[in-house]
Amino acid sequence: MAQEMREISFTAKEFAAALSLYAAQIGQTPVSSNLIQRVELDGSDELTARLIAAERPDPIKMSAGDILSALISFCIQCRIPLPKSASKSVRRIEDRIVLVINNWRLSTPMSAAS
């Protein structure tokens, strides 16, 4: 079977914006992405994040599922097309956050040329 794989990489500013927008969507007190002092990431396989903002006394904690949902929402808002049926995961690669999209396709057997 052939496999299609795509990676969408996010800058620190885009990642903070995605987490900020998602925090508001899930009912957290909205935090302006411009006021986020830092995003702390834990884990390498299963990322979790904490948003530290000047306007909030407590950090906003996000699970791996929250991070994935935030990035998918951000892509939809920015009109970045994502295949619905593909599996999606998030990885940290150096200083970037990457949304990995694996889309398994059915292949049609091809006959050998004679």
Protein backbone atom coordinates (compact mmCIF):
# COMPACT_ATOMS: atom_id res chain seq x y z
CA MET A 1 0.00 0.00 0.00
CA ALA A 2 1.22 3.46 -0.80
CA GLN A 3 1.29 5.97 2.00
CA GLU A 4 1.05 9.72 1.79
CA MET A 5 2.74 11.65 4.59
CA ARG A 6 2.73 15.39 5.07
CA GLU A 7 4.19 17.65 7.75
CA ILE A 8 3.04 21.14 8.60
CA SER A 9 5.52 23.03 10.73
CA PHE A 10 4.57 25.91 13.02
CA THR A 11 6.70 28.78 14.29
CA ALA A 12 6.66 29.57 18.01
CA LYS A 13 4.37 32.54 17.30
CA GLU A 14 1.91 30.43 15.28
CA PHE A 15 1.95 27.70 17.92
CA ALA A 16 1.22 30.21 20.69
CA ALA A 17 -1.62 31.69 18.60
CA ALA A 18 -3.09 28.22 18.00
CA LEU A 19 -2.99 27.36 21.73
CA SER A 20 -4.43 30.75 22.67
CA LEU A 21 -7.36 30.42 20.25
CA TYR A 22 -8.05 26.87 21.38
CA ALA A 23 -7.97 27.85 25.06
CA ALA A 24 -10.76 30.34 24.34
CA GLN A 25 -12.72 27.69 22.41
CA ILE A 26 -12.68 25.25 25.32
CA GLY A 27 -13.78 27.85 27.83
CA GLN A 28 -10.48 28.95 29.34
CA THR A 29 -10.08 32.65 30.02
CA PRO A 30 -8.93 34.07 26.68
CA VAL A 31 -5.24 34.93 26.53
CA SER A 32 -3.90 37.19 23.83
CA SER A 33 -1.15 35.37 21.97
CA ASN A 34 0.86 38.61 22.10
CA LEU A 35 0.86 38.45 25.90
CA ILE A 36 2.06 34.85 26.17
CA GLN A 37 5.46 35.00 27.79
CA ARG A 38 6.37 31.42 26.98
CA VAL A 39 5.07 27.97 26.15
CA GLU A 40 6.63 25.15 28.13
CA LEU A 41 6.60 21.75 26.45
CA ASP A 42 7.09 18.45 28.24
CA GLY A 43 7.67 15.06 26.69
CA SER A 44 8.99 14.00 23.34
CA ASP A 45 6.50 11.34 22.25
CA GLU A 46 3.41 12.67 24.03
CA LEU A 47 3.67 16.47 24.23
CA THR A 48 1.96 18.53 26.89
CA ALA A 49 2.07 22.31 27.11
CA ARG A 50 1.73 25.07 29.68
CA LEU A 51 0.94 28.61 28.54
CA ILE A 52 2.52 31.23 30.79
CA ALA A 53 0.93 34.65 30.33
CA ALA A 54 1.40 37.93 32.16
CA GLU A 55 -2.34 38.44 32.49
CA ARG A 56 -3.00 35.11 34.24
CA PRO A 57 -1.72 34.04 37.64
CA ASP A 58 -1.93 30.32 36.73
CA PRO A 59 -0.66 28.65 33.56
CA ILE A 60 -3.07 27.06 31.11
CA LYS A 61 -2.29 23.35 30.87
CA MET A 62 -2.90 21.45 27.65
CA SER A 63 -2.72 17.73 26.97
CA ALA A 64 -1.42 16.11 23.80
CA GLY A 65 -5.02 15.87 22.55
CA ASP A 66 -5.55 19.58 23.25
CA ILE A 67 -2.40 20.47 21.31
CA LEU A 68 -3.51 18.35 18.36
CA SER A 69 -6.99 19.89 18.41
CA ALA A 70 -5.50 23.39 18.66
CA LEU A 71 -3.31 22.87 15.61
CA ILE A 72 -6.15 21.33 13.58
CA SER A 73 -8.41 24.27 14.51
CA PHE A 74 -5.67 26.71 13.58
CA CYS A 75 -5.23 25.03 10.17
CA ILE A 76 -8.98 25.17 9.54
CA GLN A 77 -9.09 28.85 10.51
CA CYS A 78 -6.11 29.61 8.24
CA ARG A 79 -7.68 27.53 5.44
CA ILE A 80 -4.88 25.01 5.36
CA PRO A 81 -6.50 21.89 3.90
CA LEU A 82 -6.34 18.74 6.00
CA PRO A 83 -7.66 15.34 4.92
CA LYS A 84 -10.46 14.26 7.27
CA SER A 85 -9.70 10.56 7.19
CA ALA A 86 -5.96 10.85 7.77
CA SER A 87 -4.33 10.12 11.09
CA LYS A 88 -2.72 13.15 12.71
CA SER A 89 -0.08 13.52 15.38
CA VAL A 90 2.15 16.24 16.80
CA ARG A 91 5.92 16.15 17.19
CA ARG A 92 8.60 18.54 18.27
CA ILE A 93 11.41 18.76 15.75
CA GLU A 94 14.22 21.03 16.96
CA ASP A 95 12.62 24.42 17.67
CA ARG A 96 9.41 23.80 15.72
CA ILE A 97 6.15 22.05 16.37
CA VAL A 98 5.09 19.80 13.52
CA LEU A 99 1.65 18.41 12.68
CA VAL A 100 2.25 15.04 11.00
CA ILE A 101 -0.47 13.79 8.66
CA ASN A 102 -0.50 10.16 7.52
CA ASN A 103 -3.08 9.37 4.90
CA TRP A 104 -3.26 5.69 4.00
CA ARG A 105 -4.47 5.20 0.45
CA LEU A 106 -5.69 2.06 -1.20
CA SER A 107 -3.49 1.19 -4.08
CA THR A 108 -4.66 -0.38 -7.29
CA PRO A 109 -2.51 -3.27 -8.43
CA MET A 110 -0.68 -2.45 -11.61
CA SER A 111 0.18 -5.10 -14.15
CA ALA A 112 3.78 -5.38 -15.25
CA ALA A 113 4.51 -3.91 -18.65
CA SER A 114 5.17 -6.59 -21.24
